[in-house]
Amino acid sequence: MPPAFSVRPALSFAVMTRLLRYTAVFVLHVATTRWYAVPRMIPRSIPKILAALTMLCVASIVSAKDNFIDGQVFIVTGAAHESVKLGLVTVAACRPDEFASAAASTQSQIDSERPKLDAVRVIAVQMAAVASELERAVTTADIRAFNSNGWSTLFNDCTKIEMNTNRLAHRVTWRAHYLNSGAPYFKNLPPPIASVKTDADGKFKLELPSSTDQVIVVASATRRVPTGERENYFWAVKVTPPATVTLSNDNLTDSGATDSVLQTLPLLTSRPEMVDGILTETPYEQDTADKLKDELGKLKSDADKLKHDLLVSTGTKSPN
C-alpha cells in the first residue's frame, strides 16, 4: 500500500488557534475602548468582521476535530469462540471513486488470467497421469536390465517428477482460490486519504478532513493458527463519518455483508515454504498462470526424457 499522507483542514489547527487568540484580544480591546479613542483609520465594521472570523475559526476547528472514524479490529475463532484482538493492523480510508477504479482494474486483470489458469489446470491433470504411469513403469521394470545404479537413478528422478507435479497441481488450485479472494484487490489499493495502525487492543481512530463525506475503510490482517497455518482477513467497508465501526468476522469481504463493497471468497490457508532456498510466508503469491504453465512444460520435458531413458535401459527402444 502506498504510504499514507497526513491530512489537514484548509488552515492548520495551530494557525487557527493563534489567529483566534489574536482576534479575541483585539475584540476585547476594542470593546473596552471608547469609540472616540479608536483611530479614524479603523472602520467601525472591523470588530463585527473579526467576530465573524472568530466564529468561523471555532467552527472550522470543531468540524476538523469531529470528522473521524474510530473502531476496533478483531476476529472470533471458530471452535473456541475466542475473541482475538488484532494489533498493528493498518486501517486506511480511501475515496470511493478511487477505490472503485482500482477494484475495476484488478477485476480486469483477474478476468484475463482465469482462462489461462483453466488451461494450465488441464495440463496439470494430464501431467499427473503421465507421472503416475511413469512411476508404475519404473517400479515394475526388471532391475537386472539396468547397469549398476541405473534403476535407482531412474527411480529417484521419477519420484522427484511425481512430487513436483503434485506440488504444481496444488499451486494451480491455490492460485485459482487466490484470484477469487480479496487478496488481489489489496495489492492494488489507491493512495489513502488517512491511515493508522491499531493498538494492542485492536482499536484505531482515523482523523479525516472536514470535507470528507463517505469513505471506504480498508484493512487486511493475517494470523498464525495453532496448526501452523496462516489465516487471511480482508475488509472493505463503506462508512460515512463521523462513525464508529467494528471490523470483524461479520463484515469480511467473504462474509456476504451488505456494507462490504467487495464480495469475495475466503483465501486458502497456507504454510511457510522454501522458495529458492528462502523460507517464505506467502510462497504462492508470486505465481501466475504463465509461470505455472512454463514450470509444467519443463516437468513434461523431464518426464519425456525419463521415459526415453527407461525404454532404452530395458532394450525396448534404441538410444537414437
Protein backbone atom coordinates (compact mmCIF):
# COMPACT_ATOMS: atom_id res chain seq x y z
CA MET A 1 0.00 0.00 0.00
CA PRO A 2 1.34 3.41 -0.89
CA PRO A 3 2.41 5.44 2.15
CA ALA A 4 -0.34 7.45 3.75
CA PHE A 5 -0.05 11.20 3.90
CA SER A 6 -1.38 13.27 6.80
CA VAL A 7 -4.45 15.37 6.16
CA ARG A 8 -5.21 18.83 7.48
CA PRO A 9 -8.00 21.37 7.14
CA ALA A 10 -7.50 24.48 4.99
CA LEU A 11 -5.80 26.22 7.89
CA SER A 12 -3.76 24.16 10.32
CA PHE A 13 -5.05 23.75 13.85
CA ALA A 14 -2.11 25.72 15.27
CA VAL A 15 -2.59 28.62 12.83
CA MET A 16 -6.30 28.85 13.51
CA THR A 17 -5.73 28.73 17.27
CA ARG A 18 -3.18 31.55 17.07
CA LEU A 19 -5.49 33.63 14.86
CA LEU A 20 -8.37 33.04 17.26
CA ARG A 21 -6.24 34.21 20.19
CA TYR A 22 -5.14 37.43 18.46
CA THR A 23 -8.67 38.15 17.29
CA ALA A 24 -10.13 37.65 20.77
CA VAL A 25 -7.54 40.02 22.27
CA PHE A 26 -8.29 42.67 19.64
CA VAL A 27 -12.06 42.36 20.04
CA LEU A 28 -11.71 42.63 23.83
CA HIS A 29 -9.51 45.71 23.47
CA VAL A 30 -11.96 47.39 21.12
CA ALA A 31 -14.91 46.50 23.33
CA THR A 32 -13.32 48.18 26.35
CA THR A 33 -12.13 51.26 24.47
CA ARG A 34 -14.28 54.34 23.92
CA TRP A 35 -15.02 54.88 20.27
CA TYR A 36 -13.60 58.43 20.22
CA ALA A 37 -10.25 56.84 21.26
CA VAL A 38 -10.21 54.44 18.30
CA PRO A 39 -8.21 55.80 15.36
CA ARG A 40 -10.36 57.05 12.48
CA MET A 41 -8.40 54.79 10.05
CA ILE A 42 -10.05 51.67 11.56
CA PRO A 43 -13.61 51.29 10.20
CA ARG A 44 -16.27 50.59 12.80
CA SER A 45 -17.24 47.37 10.91
CA ILE A 46 -13.88 45.75 11.73
CA PRO A 47 -14.98 44.38 15.14
CA LYS A 48 -18.01 42.72 13.52
CA ILE A 49 -15.84 41.22 10.78
CA LEU A 50 -13.34 39.93 13.33
CA ALA A 51 -16.13 38.48 15.45
CA ALA A 52 -17.48 36.63 12.40
CA LEU A 53 -13.98 35.39 11.59
CA THR A 54 -13.66 34.14 15.15
CA MET A 55 -16.86 32.14 14.78
CA LEU A 56 -15.60 30.64 11.50
CA CYS A 57 -12.30 29.65 13.12
CA VAL A 58 -14.12 27.98 16.00
CA ALA A 59 -16.46 26.13 13.61
CA SER A 60 -13.55 25.02 11.43
CA ILE A 61 -11.57 23.73 14.39
CA VAL A 62 -14.56 21.87 15.82
CA SER A 63 -15.51 20.30 12.48
CA ALA A 64 -11.91 19.28 11.78
CA LYS A 65 -11.64 17.56 15.13
CA ASP A 66 -15.11 15.93 14.90
CA ASN A 67 -14.70 14.26 11.47
CA PHE A 68 -13.28 10.88 12.35
CA ILE A 69 -13.84 7.14 12.19
CA ASP A 70 -12.87 5.02 15.16
CA GLY A 71 -13.39 1.37 16.00
CA GLN A 72 -11.78 -1.98 16.65
CA VAL A 73 -10.43 -4.92 14.63
CA PHE A 74 -10.89 -8.43 15.98
CA ILE A 75 -11.70 -11.99 14.90
CA VAL A 76 -13.77 -14.60 16.71
CA THR A 77 -12.20 -18.05 16.31
CA GLY A 78 -14.32 -20.92 15.07
CA ALA A 79 -14.19 -23.72 17.62
CA ALA A 80 -13.35 -21.89 20.84
CA HIS A 81 -15.36 -18.74 20.01
CA GLU A 82 -12.49 -16.74 21.41
CA SER A 83 -12.25 -13.04 20.51
CA VAL A 84 -8.76 -12.28 19.15
CA LYS A 85 -7.84 -8.58 19.05
CA LEU A 86 -5.63 -7.74 16.08
CA GLY A 87 -2.93 -5.18 16.86
CA LEU A 88 -0.58 -3.38 14.44
CA VAL A 89 -3.10 -3.71 11.60
CA THR A 90 -3.06 -0.82 9.12
CA VAL A 91 -6.54 0.67 8.75
CA ALA A 92 -6.97 3.19 5.94
CA ALA A 93 -9.67 5.36 4.40
CA CYS A 94 -9.94 5.58 0.60
CA ARG A 95 -12.12 7.76 -1.60
CA PRO A 96 -14.99 5.63 -3.00
CA ASP A 97 -14.41 6.64 -6.65
CA GLU A 98 -10.67 5.88 -6.46
CA PHE A 99 -11.32 2.55 -4.73
CA ALA A 100 -13.90 1.58 -7.37
CA SER A 101 -11.45 2.44 -10.18
CA ALA A 102 -8.64 0.36 -8.61
CA ALA A 103 -11.00 -2.57 -7.98
CA ALA A 104 -12.24 -2.49 -11.59
CA SER A 105 -8.63 -2.56 -12.84
CA THR A 106 -7.85 -5.57 -10.63
CA GLN A 107 -11.01 -7.36 -11.75
CA SER A 108 -9.98 -6.88 -15.37
CA GLN A 109 -6.60 -8.50 -14.70
CA ILE A 110 -8.28 -11.41 -12.90
CA ASP A 111 -10.72 -11.95 -15.76
CA SER A 112 -7.85 -12.09 -18.27
CA GLU A 113 -5.90 -14.65 -16.20
CA ARG A 114 -8.72 -17.08 -15.41
CA PRO A 115 -8.93 -18.69 -18.90
CA LYS A 116 -5.15 -19.20 -18.87
CA LEU A 117 -5.33 -20.80 -15.43
CA ASP A 118 -8.13 -23.14 -16.57
CA ALA A 119 -5.88 -24.30 -19.43
CA VAL A 120 -2.98 -24.84 -17.02
CA ARG A 121 -5.25 -26.92 -14.76
CA VAL A 122 -5.94 -29.27 -17.68
CA ILE A 123 -2.19 -29.60 -18.32
CA ALA A 124 -1.61 -30.31 -14.61
CA VAL A 125 -4.16 -33.15 -14.64
CA GLN A 126 -2.54 -34.65 -17.77
CA MET A 127 0.90 -34.31 -16.23
CA ALA A 128 -0.24 -36.09 -13.05
CA ALA A 129 -1.39 -39.04 -15.19
CA VAL A 130 1.98 -39.09 -17.01
CA ALA A 131 3.90 -39.04 -13.72
CA SER A 132 1.76 -41.86 -12.30
CA GLU A 133 2.24 -44.00 -15.43
CA LEU A 134 5.98 -43.36 -15.37
CA GLU A 135 6.24 -44.31 -11.70
CA ARG A 136 4.40 -47.58 -12.41
CA ALA A 137 6.70 -48.35 -15.37
CA VAL A 138 9.86 -47.79 -13.32
CA THR A 139 8.74 -49.81 -10.29
CA THR A 140 7.65 -52.78 -12.45
CA ALA A 141 10.75 -52.77 -14.66
CA ASP A 142 13.23 -55.66 -14.41
CA ILE A 143 16.12 -54.33 -12.32
CA ARG A 144 18.51 -56.83 -13.96
CA ALA A 145 18.14 -54.90 -17.23
CA PHE A 146 19.90 -51.85 -15.72
CA ASN A 147 23.57 -51.23 -15.05
CA SER A 148 24.89 -50.69 -11.50
CA ASN A 149 22.96 -47.60 -10.35
CA GLY A 150 20.75 -47.14 -13.40
CA TRP A 151 17.47 -48.29 -11.84
CA SER A 152 17.88 -46.35 -8.57
CA THR A 153 18.74 -43.18 -10.51
CA LEU A 154 15.63 -43.54 -12.68
CA PHE A 155 13.52 -44.27 -9.62
CA ASN A 156 14.78 -41.17 -7.78
CA ASP A 157 14.22 -38.98 -10.83
CA CYS A 158 10.74 -40.43 -11.26
CA THR A 159 9.89 -39.77 -7.60
CA LYS A 160 11.09 -36.17 -7.92
CA ILE A 161 8.93 -35.60 -11.02
CA GLU A 162 5.88 -37.03 -9.29
CA MET A 163 6.41 -34.84 -6.19
CA ASN A 164 6.94 -31.68 -8.25
CA THR A 165 3.86 -32.48 -10.35
CA ASN A 166 1.68 -32.84 -7.23
CA ARG A 167 3.10 -29.63 -5.78
CA LEU A 168 2.43 -27.73 -9.01
CA ALA A 169 -1.12 -29.07 -9.13
CA HIS A 170 -1.62 -27.71 -5.59
CA ARG A 171 -0.22 -24.34 -6.63
CA VAL A 172 -2.64 -24.19 -9.58
CA THR A 173 -5.54 -24.83 -7.19
CA TRP A 174 -4.24 -22.25 -4.71
CA ARG A 175 -3.88 -19.65 -7.47
CA ALA A 176 -7.50 -20.17 -8.52
CA HIS A 177 -8.64 -19.59 -4.91
CA TYR A 178 -6.32 -16.59 -4.65
CA LEU A 179 -7.97 -14.92 -7.65
CA ASN A 180 -11.38 -15.46 -6.04
CA SER A 181 -10.31 -13.89 -2.73
CA GLY A 182 -9.82 -10.31 -1.58
CA ALA A 183 -6.01 -10.59 -1.78
CA PRO A 184 -5.51 -9.34 -5.38
CA TYR A 185 -7.56 -6.20 -4.70
CA PHE A 186 -5.41 -5.32 -1.70
CA LYS A 187 -2.29 -5.47 -3.88
CA ASN A 188 -3.71 -2.58 -5.91
CA LEU A 189 -5.30 -0.16 -3.43
CA PRO A 190 -5.38 3.58 -4.23
CA PRO A 191 -3.45 6.07 -2.04
CA PRO A 192 -5.44 6.56 1.19
CA ILE A 193 -6.58 9.92 2.49
CA ALA A 194 -5.69 8.77 6.02
CA SER A 195 -4.30 5.66 7.69
CA VAL A 196 -3.38 4.48 11.16
CA LYS A 197 -2.26 1.27 12.90
CA THR A 198 -4.38 -0.45 15.53
CA ASP A 199 -3.13 -0.54 19.12
CA ALA A 200 -2.63 -3.68 21.22
CA ASP A 201 -6.41 -3.93 21.75
CA GLY A 202 -7.11 -3.65 18.02
CA LYS A 203 -8.53 -0.13 18.43
CA PHE A 204 -7.97 2.72 15.96
CA LYS A 205 -9.03 6.28 15.16
CA LEU A 206 -8.83 7.84 11.70
CA GLU A 207 -8.74 11.66 11.60
CA LEU A 208 -10.32 12.86 8.34
CA PRO A 209 -10.54 16.21 6.52
CA SER A 210 -13.65 18.16 7.48
CA SER A 211 -14.93 17.99 3.88
CA THR A 212 -14.81 14.18 3.75
CA ASP A 213 -18.24 12.63 3.26
CA GLN A 214 -18.18 8.90 2.53
CA VAL A 215 -15.08 6.66 2.54
CA ILE A 216 -14.13 3.04 2.09
CA VAL A 217 -12.39 1.75 5.22
CA VAL A 218 -9.91 -0.96 4.21
CA ALA A 219 -7.77 -3.29 6.30
CA SER A 220 -6.09 -6.66 5.91
CA ALA A 221 -4.56 -8.95 8.51
CA THR A 222 -3.06 -12.39 8.92
CA ARG A 223 -2.96 -14.71 11.91
CA ARG A 224 -0.99 -17.84 12.65
CA VAL A 225 -3.34 -20.52 13.98
CA PRO A 226 -2.29 -23.38 16.32
CA THR A 227 -1.95 -25.80 13.38
CA GLY A 228 0.82 -23.58 11.99
CA GLU A 229 -1.25 -22.38 9.06
CA ARG A 230 -1.75 -18.75 8.13
CA GLU A 231 -5.28 -17.30 8.00
CA ASN A 232 -6.01 -14.17 5.97
CA TYR A 233 -8.61 -11.45 6.61
CA PHE A 234 -9.74 -8.61 4.32
CA TRP A 235 -12.15 -5.72 4.95
CA ALA A 236 -13.51 -3.04 2.59
CA VAL A 237 -16.43 -1.34 4.31
CA LYS A 238 -18.37 1.75 3.23
CA VAL A 239 -18.57 4.28 6.09
CA THR A 240 -19.95 7.82 6.47
CA PRO A 241 -18.01 9.80 9.14
CA PRO A 242 -18.18 10.60 11.94
CA ALA A 243 -18.77 6.97 12.85
CA THR A 244 -17.65 4.02 14.93
CA VAL A 245 -17.07 0.80 13.00
CA THR A 246 -16.14 -2.72 14.02
CA LEU A 247 -14.08 -4.84 11.62
CA SER A 248 -14.74 -8.49 12.46
CA ASN A 249 -15.98 -11.78 11.01
CA ASP A 250 -19.32 -10.13 10.27
CA ASN A 251 -18.08 -7.76 7.55
CA LEU A 252 -15.13 -9.54 5.95
CA THR A 253 -15.10 -9.41 2.15
CA ASP A 254 -16.00 -13.12 2.17
CA SER A 255 -18.81 -12.76 4.76
CA GLY A 256 -21.51 -11.65 2.31
CA ALA A 257 -22.15 -8.50 4.38
CA THR A 258 -24.12 -5.78 2.57
CA ASP A 259 -21.83 -2.99 3.80
CA SER A 260 -18.77 -4.69 2.26
CA VAL A 261 -18.03 -3.18 -1.16
CA LEU A 262 -16.12 -6.32 -2.17
CA GLN A 263 -17.79 -9.72 -2.34
CA THR A 264 -15.15 -12.45 -2.47
CA LEU A 265 -14.42 -16.00 -1.36
CA PRO A 266 -12.04 -16.80 1.52
CA LEU A 267 -8.36 -17.30 0.77
CA LEU A 268 -7.00 -20.77 1.48
CA THR A 269 -4.74 -21.08 4.49
CA SER A 270 -1.07 -21.63 3.74
CA ARG A 271 2.13 -22.68 5.45
CA PRO A 272 5.60 -21.16 5.09
CA GLU A 273 7.60 -22.94 2.39
CA MET A 274 11.08 -22.80 0.93
CA VAL A 275 11.19 -20.77 -2.28
CA ASP A 276 14.60 -20.53 -3.98
CA GLY A 277 16.24 -21.51 -0.69
CA ILE A 278 14.35 -18.88 1.37
CA LEU A 279 11.60 -19.63 3.89
CA THR A 280 8.63 -17.63 2.59
CA GLU A 281 5.40 -16.81 4.45
CA THR A 282 3.40 -16.40 1.23
CA PRO A 283 5.04 -18.94 -1.11
CA TYR A 284 2.44 -18.85 -3.89
CA GLU A 285 1.50 -15.17 -4.17
CA GLN A 286 4.07 -14.58 -6.92
CA ASP A 287 2.63 -17.33 -9.10
CA THR A 288 0.83 -16.53 -12.35
CA ALA A 289 -0.85 -18.74 -14.93
CA ASP A 290 2.06 -18.14 -17.34
CA LYS A 291 4.68 -19.04 -14.72
CA LEU A 292 2.85 -22.25 -13.76
CA LYS A 293 2.48 -23.20 -17.43
CA ASP A 294 6.22 -22.79 -18.02
CA GLU A 295 7.09 -24.94 -14.99
CA LEU A 296 4.65 -27.66 -16.07
CA GLY A 297 6.18 -27.59 -19.56
CA LYS A 298 9.65 -28.19 -18.08
CA LEU A 299 8.32 -31.06 -15.97
CA LYS A 300 6.79 -32.67 -19.06
CA SER A 301 10.14 -32.42 -20.88
CA ASP A 302 11.86 -34.08 -17.89
CA ALA A 303 9.24 -36.84 -17.85
CA ASP A 304 9.59 -37.47 -21.60
CA LYS A 305 13.37 -37.77 -21.22
CA LEU A 306 12.99 -40.14 -18.27
CA LYS A 307 10.56 -42.31 -20.22
CA HIS A 308 13.01 -42.43 -23.12
CA ASP A 309 15.87 -43.44 -20.79
CA LEU A 310 13.70 -46.16 -19.27
CA LEU A 311 12.83 -47.65 -22.66
CA VAL A 312 16.49 -47.56 -23.72
CA SER A 313 17.65 -49.20 -20.48
CA THR A 314 15.15 -52.06 -20.85
CA GLY A 315 16.05 -52.56 -24.51
CA THR A 316 12.56 -51.58 -25.70
CA LYS A 317 13.93 -48.66 -27.68
CA SER A 318 17.26 -47.83 -29.28
CA PRO A 319 19.27 -44.88 -27.87
CA ASN A 320 18.63 -42.86 -31.02
